[in-house]
Protein backbone atom coordinates (compact mmCIF):
# COMPACT_ATOMS: atom_id res chain seq x y z
CA MET A 1 -74.51 -5.82 20.08
CA SER A 2 -73.58 -4.00 23.19
CA ARG A 3 -70.62 -1.68 23.00
CA SER A 4 -67.79 -2.15 25.52
CA LYS A 5 -67.35 0.71 27.90
CA VAL A 6 -64.19 2.78 27.56
CA ALA A 7 -62.62 4.23 30.66
CA PRO A 8 -62.65 8.02 30.63
CA LEU A 9 -59.34 9.77 29.92
CA SER A 10 -57.53 11.38 32.84
CA LYS A 11 -57.79 15.14 32.86
CA THR A 12 -54.12 15.43 33.89
CA PRO A 13 -51.91 15.12 30.78
CA ALA A 14 -48.97 12.68 31.03
CA LEU A 15 -45.48 14.12 31.05
CA ARG A 16 -43.56 13.78 27.83
CA LYS A 17 -40.20 12.02 27.88
CA SER A 18 -38.42 15.32 27.33
CA GLU A 19 -40.29 16.95 30.19
CA LYS A 20 -38.84 16.49 33.65
CA PRO A 21 -40.12 17.78 36.98
CA GLU A 22 -38.60 21.19 37.53
CA VAL A 23 -36.21 21.46 40.43
CA LYS A 24 -36.09 24.83 42.07
CA THR A 25 -32.78 26.68 41.94
CA GLY A 26 -32.81 27.11 45.70
CA ALA A 27 -32.96 23.34 46.20
CA LYS A 28 -30.02 22.83 43.83
CA THR A 29 -27.94 25.39 45.69
CA ALA A 30 -28.76 23.81 49.04
CA LEU A 31 -27.82 20.35 47.75
CA LYS A 32 -24.52 21.63 46.37
CA ALA A 33 -23.75 23.43 49.62
CA LYS A 34 -24.03 20.18 51.56
CA LEU A 35 -21.22 18.53 49.58
CA PRO A 36 -17.91 18.75 51.48
CA ALA A 37 -15.00 20.47 49.75
CA PRO A 38 -12.41 17.95 48.43
CA ALA A 39 -9.23 17.70 50.47
CA LEU A 40 -6.32 19.64 49.00
CA THR A 41 -3.87 17.47 47.03
CA THR A 42 -1.05 19.98 47.50
CA SER A 43 -0.24 22.50 50.21
CA ARG A 44 2.25 24.62 48.28
CA LYS A 45 0.94 28.19 48.09
CA ALA A 46 2.45 28.64 44.63
CA LEU A 47 0.18 25.86 43.34
CA LEU A 48 -3.03 27.14 44.95
CA VAL A 49 -5.40 29.73 43.52
CA ASP A 50 -7.56 31.40 46.16
CA GLY A 51 -6.87 28.45 48.42
CA SER A 52 -8.07 25.92 45.82
CA ASP A 53 -6.03 23.24 44.07
CA HIS A 54 -8.43 23.09 41.10
CA ALA A 55 -5.88 24.67 38.71
CA PHE A 56 -3.20 22.26 39.97
CA ARG A 57 -5.46 19.26 39.28
CA GLN A 58 -6.16 20.66 35.83
CA LEU A 59 -2.40 20.95 35.18
CA VAL A 60 -1.78 17.35 36.26
CA HIS A 61 -4.59 15.96 34.14
CA THR A 62 -3.62 18.07 31.13
CA LEU A 63 -0.02 16.84 31.41
CA LEU A 64 -1.32 13.26 31.41
CA ALA A 65 -3.36 14.03 28.30
CA PHE A 66 -0.32 15.53 26.53
CA LEU A 67 1.97 12.64 27.51
CA ALA A 68 -0.56 10.09 26.25
CA ARG A 69 -0.77 11.86 22.91
CA HIS A 70 3.00 12.29 22.65
CA GLU A 71 3.44 8.59 23.36
CA THR A 72 1.07 7.89 20.46
CA VAL A 73 3.21 10.14 18.24
CA ARG A 74 6.40 8.36 19.33
CA GLU A 75 4.89 4.93 18.74
CA GLY A 76 3.83 6.11 15.29
CA HIS A 77 7.38 7.24 14.44
CA ALA A 78 8.76 3.92 15.71
CA ALA A 79 6.20 1.78 13.90
CA ALA A 80 6.97 3.54 10.62
CA ILE A 81 10.50 2.09 10.72
CA GLY A 82 9.60 -1.24 12.33
CA LEU A 83 10.74 -0.49 15.89
CA ALA A 84 9.19 -0.28 19.34
CA GLY A 85 8.92 3.17 20.90
CA ILE A 86 11.86 2.82 23.29
CA GLU A 87 14.04 1.25 20.57
CA TYR A 88 13.42 4.26 18.35
CA THR A 89 14.17 6.65 21.24
CA VAL A 90 17.49 4.97 22.04
CA LEU A 91 18.53 4.83 18.38
CA ILE A 92 17.78 8.48 17.60
CA SER A 93 19.34 9.61 20.90
CA VAL A 94 22.61 7.86 20.06
CA LYS A 95 22.52 9.46 16.62
CA TYR A 96 22.21 13.01 17.95
CA LEU A 97 24.46 12.62 21.00
CA ALA A 98 27.22 11.13 18.82
CA ALA A 99 27.30 14.37 16.84
CA GLU A 100 28.62 16.06 20.00
CA GLY A 101 31.12 13.36 21.01
CA ASP A 102 31.49 9.75 22.09
CA VAL A 103 28.40 8.14 23.61
CA SER A 104 28.60 5.54 26.37
CA VAL A 105 25.75 3.59 27.95
CA ARG A 106 26.10 5.71 31.08
CA GLU A 107 25.86 8.98 29.15
CA LEU A 108 22.89 7.74 27.17
CA ALA A 109 21.11 6.57 30.33
CA ALA A 110 21.67 9.97 31.96
CA HIS A 111 20.33 11.75 28.87
CA LEU A 112 17.15 9.64 28.82
CA HIS A 113 16.78 9.48 32.64
CA LEU A 114 16.74 5.68 32.47
CA SER A 115 18.69 2.99 34.27
CA GLY A 116 21.96 1.83 32.71
CA ALA A 117 20.82 -1.79 32.83
CA PHE A 118 17.68 -1.00 30.87
CA VAL A 119 19.57 1.02 28.25
CA THR A 120 22.06 -1.86 27.91
CA THR A 121 19.20 -4.30 27.23
CA VAL A 122 17.67 -2.09 24.54
CA SER A 123 21.01 -1.25 22.91
CA ASN A 124 21.90 -4.97 22.79
CA LYS A 125 18.68 -5.62 20.91
CA LEU A 126 19.41 -2.81 18.45
CA GLN A 127 22.89 -4.25 17.98
CA GLN A 128 21.38 -7.63 17.12
CA MET A 129 19.22 -5.86 14.52
CA GLY A 130 22.32 -4.38 12.94
CA LEU A 131 21.25 -0.81 13.75
CA LEU A 132 23.74 -0.06 16.51
CA ASP A 133 27.42 -0.83 17.06
CA LYS A 134 29.34 -1.09 20.33
CA LEU A 135 33.00 -0.24 19.91
CA VAL A 136 35.76 -0.49 22.50
CA ASP A 137 37.09 2.94 23.43
CA PRO A 138 40.84 2.91 22.64
CA ALA A 139 41.48 5.33 25.51
CA ASP A 140 39.67 3.09 28.03
CA ARG A 141 39.11 -0.49 26.94
CA ARG A 142 36.56 -0.98 29.73
CA ARG A 143 34.35 1.62 28.10
CA LEU A 144 32.09 0.92 25.12
CA ARG A 145 31.15 3.58 22.58
CA LEU A 146 27.72 3.43 20.96
CA MET A 147 27.42 4.26 17.27
CA VAL A 148 24.52 4.08 14.82
CA THR A 149 25.34 1.81 11.88
CA GLN A 150 24.82 2.65 8.24
CA ALA A 151 21.58 0.66 8.29
CA GLY A 152 20.42 2.60 11.35
CA ASP A 153 21.27 5.90 9.66
CA ALA A 154 19.26 4.91 6.60
CA LEU A 155 16.28 3.96 8.76
CA LEU A 156 16.25 7.29 10.59
CA ALA A 157 16.74 9.19 7.34
CA SER A 158 13.68 7.50 5.84
CA LEU A 159 11.59 8.67 8.81
CA ASN A 160 12.87 12.25 8.93
CA PRO A 161 10.54 13.97 6.39
CA THR A 162 7.39 12.69 8.13
CA GLN A 163 8.87 13.16 11.60
CA ARG A 164 9.70 16.80 10.90
CA GLN A 165 6.18 17.61 9.72
CA VAL A 166 4.51 15.89 12.68
CA ASN A 167 6.79 17.58 15.22
CA ASP A 168 6.19 20.97 13.60
CA VAL A 169 2.44 20.57 14.04
CA GLN A 170 2.60 19.14 17.56
CA PHE A 171 4.68 22.03 18.91
CA ASP A 172 3.41 24.85 16.69
CA CYS A 173 1.73 26.43 19.74
CA LEU A 174 5.11 27.47 21.24
CA ASN A 175 7.22 30.48 20.39
CA ALA A 176 10.98 30.52 21.07
CA ASP A 177 10.70 31.95 24.60
CA GLU A 178 7.93 29.51 25.55
CA PHE A 179 9.95 26.59 24.17
CA HIS A 180 13.04 27.38 26.26
CA GLN A 181 10.91 28.04 29.34
CA LEU A 182 9.10 24.72 28.88
CA LEU A 183 12.40 22.88 28.39
CA GLY A 184 13.79 24.21 31.67
CA SER A 185 10.54 23.55 33.54
CA VAL A 186 10.29 19.94 32.34
CA GLU A 187 13.92 19.21 33.26
CA ARG A 188 13.28 20.48 36.79
CA LEU A 189 10.05 18.49 36.98
CA VAL A 190 11.93 15.29 36.11
CA GLU A 191 14.33 15.89 39.01
CA SER A 192 11.60 16.80 41.50
CA SER A 193 9.53 13.82 40.35
CA GLU A 194 12.42 11.48 41.22
CA ARG A 195 12.44 12.93 44.72
CA ALA A 196 8.65 12.55 44.91
CA ILE A 197 8.87 8.87 43.92
CA ALA A 198 11.50 8.25 46.60
CA LEU A 199 9.28 9.98 49.20
CA GLN A 200 6.23 8.00 48.08
CA ARG A 201 8.09 4.72 48.47
CA TYR A 202 9.24 5.78 51.94
CA LEU A 203 5.77 6.87 53.08
CA GLN A 204 3.93 3.92 51.51
CA PRO A 205 6.22 0.89 51.93
CA ARG A 206 4.93 -2.20 50.14
CA GLY A 207 4.14 -5.31 52.13
CA PRO A 208 5.06 -8.83 50.96
CA ASP A 209 1.62 -9.29 49.37
CA THR A 210 1.39 -5.83 47.79
CA PRO A 211 1.90 -5.93 44.01
CA ALA A 212 4.57 -3.66 42.58
CA PRO A 213 3.27 -0.67 40.60
CA SER A 214 2.98 -1.37 36.88
CA ARG A 215 5.58 0.15 34.57
CA GLY A 216 5.94 0.68 30.89
CA ASP A 217 9.05 0.09 28.80
CA ASP A 218 10.70 3.31 29.85
CA ARG A 219 11.87 2.73 33.39
CA PRO A 220 13.30 5.68 35.34
CA ALA A 221 16.75 5.21 36.76
CA ARG A 222 16.96 4.43 40.44
CA ARG A 223 19.46 6.52 42.30
CA LYS A 224 21.97 4.65 44.41
CA LYS A 225 21.59 5.01 48.15
CA ILE A 226 24.38 6.98 49.72
């Protein structure tokens, strides 16, 4: 029998999967140098570091990451007592504001930076659940006072031990000075963000076919035009 001829092996060894053609450092640097610098997303000198807005972008994205995680924490607190996140927020806010005096829908809306109409809708639902009462103010019968019912108190009390532990861990990175500084900074950011939203709406008016931006349950209050 004649043996079949086998093609000779190539003298050049094949590259392994882990081996890639080496790119010279000079070529990498030249390629990177050709990329244009991103346009600045802010022009405020206080927010720029050596003329770059990289730190500002990092702040914005880190805030988004924190808010997403805090929303998860809030939803967890709410779910533990059978409520939606905003329902839990309204209920516990009434509880703590009432310790300082009477609470009206307007005062609650101002505290939460939400519209009065939205707070009214949520408080009506909590009233239907038997967790919140609306009482007529004897001094002004046009004014309603919000009060947490006994059932609402019991619900919040059942959550408190777990809530306290979770909050302690979430904010254990702050000392007293940092906490008060953060509180003041966030309050100012809420106010400046309202102005930014108004400016954005003015600069980018929506056409008849442009969909409205999506919103979650917590809707910021719209200031009345003066």
